[in-house]
Protein backbone atom coordinates (compact mmCIF):
# COMPACT_ATOMS: atom_id res chain seq x y z
CA MET A 1 -6.46 -38.31 4.64
CA ARG A 2 -3.29 -36.75 3.28
CA ARG A 3 -0.90 -35.09 5.68
CA ILE A 4 -0.48 -31.34 5.10
CA ASP A 5 2.75 -29.49 5.73
CA TYR A 6 1.36 -26.03 6.44
CA ASP A 7 4.78 -24.38 6.40
CA THR A 8 5.33 -25.54 2.82
CA GLU A 9 1.76 -24.72 1.77
CA GLN A 10 1.91 -21.19 3.17
CA HIS A 11 5.35 -20.54 1.74
CA GLN A 12 4.09 -21.52 -1.71
CA ASP A 13 1.07 -19.22 -1.37
CA TYR A 14 3.24 -16.28 -0.29
CA ALA A 15 5.72 -16.97 -3.09
CA ARG A 16 2.90 -16.88 -5.65
CA GLY A 17 1.71 -13.54 -4.24
CA ARG A 18 5.19 -12.01 -4.32
CA ALA A 19 5.61 -13.13 -7.93
CA LEU A 20 2.63 -11.09 -9.19
CA SER A 21 3.41 -8.35 -11.71
CA GLU A 22 2.39 -4.75 -11.03
CA GLN A 23 -0.54 -5.13 -13.42
CA GLN A 24 -1.69 -8.31 -11.66
CA MET A 25 -1.39 -6.59 -8.29
CA GLN A 26 -3.60 -3.73 -9.48
CA ALA A 27 -6.23 -6.20 -10.61
CA TRP A 28 -5.98 -8.21 -7.39
CA ILE A 29 -5.85 -5.34 -4.87
CA PRO A 30 -8.75 -2.91 -5.28
CA SER A 31 -7.98 0.77 -5.73
CA ALA A 32 -8.18 3.05 -2.73
CA GLY A 33 -10.36 5.43 -4.78
CA THR A 34 -9.07 8.53 -6.51
CA ARG A 35 -5.94 10.52 -5.81
CA GLU A 36 -8.12 13.20 -4.26
CA ASP A 37 -9.71 10.62 -1.93
CA MET A 38 -6.30 9.38 -0.85
CA LEU A 39 -5.05 12.92 -0.18
CA GLU A 40 -8.07 13.57 2.06
CA ARG A 41 -7.29 10.40 4.05
CA LEU A 42 -3.64 11.42 4.37
CA ARG A 43 -4.68 14.80 5.76
CA LEU A 44 -6.15 12.98 8.76
CA ARG A 45 -2.54 12.03 9.63
CA THR A 46 -3.49 8.63 10.96
CA HIS A 47 -0.36 7.03 9.53
CA SER A 48 2.45 6.63 12.03
CA PHE A 49 5.05 8.14 9.71
CA CYS A 50 3.33 11.54 9.99
CA GLY A 51 4.40 11.71 13.63
CA GLN A 52 8.03 11.36 12.59
CA LEU A 53 7.97 14.44 10.36
CA SER A 54 8.40 18.05 11.39
CA PRO A 55 5.57 20.52 10.70
CA GLU A 56 7.67 22.02 7.90
CA GLU A 57 8.24 18.61 6.30
CA LEU A 58 4.52 17.83 6.49
CA GLU A 59 3.62 21.18 4.93
CA THR A 60 6.12 20.67 2.10
CA GLY A 61 4.92 17.14 1.49
CA PHE A 62 1.23 18.04 1.47
CA ARG A 63 1.90 20.98 -0.86
CA SER A 64 3.63 18.63 -3.30
CA LEU A 65 0.77 16.13 -3.07
CA GLU A 66 -1.83 18.86 -3.56
CA GLN A 67 -0.09 19.98 -6.77
CA ALA A 68 0.00 16.42 -8.11
CA VAL A 69 -3.65 15.83 -7.23
CA ALA A 70 -4.74 19.17 -8.74
CA ALA A 71 -3.31 18.04 -12.09
CA ASP A 72 -5.70 15.04 -12.18
CA PRO A 73 -7.91 14.74 -9.06
CA GLY A 74 -10.10 11.96 -10.47
CA ALA A 75 -7.21 9.68 -11.42
CA PRO A 76 -7.20 6.31 -9.68
CA ALA A 77 -5.10 6.25 -6.54
CA PRO A 78 -1.91 4.22 -6.78
CA VAL A 79 -2.00 0.79 -5.25
CA PHE A 80 0.30 0.22 -2.31
CA PRO A 81 0.44 -3.44 -1.36
CA GLN A 82 0.56 -3.76 2.39
CA PRO A 83 3.68 -5.40 3.78
CA LEU A 84 3.15 -8.83 5.17
CA LEU A 85 5.23 -9.99 8.08
CA THR A 86 6.12 -13.63 7.69
CA LEU A 87 8.07 -15.62 10.20
CA GLU A 88 10.05 -18.71 9.39
CA ARG A 89 11.24 -21.37 11.75
CA PRO A 90 14.96 -22.10 11.70
């Protein structure tokens, strides 16, 4: 049985993922639905950054999003790759 260096194996996998183009990422990560769907989820304010904004900032931001969504509500939602925390040993 061959010995596996998991640190090296994982690093190579992560490096391949980080090297994907935007087009490859869109094919690899499924869409979150339409822009309208995403706006409805944002209105729930479950994201922690919403708690860091003032009511005025939230209102301004949602108004801007509503205008963008109204222009094309059925457009696919943008893909936002989730950050991945990786730790490396010294």
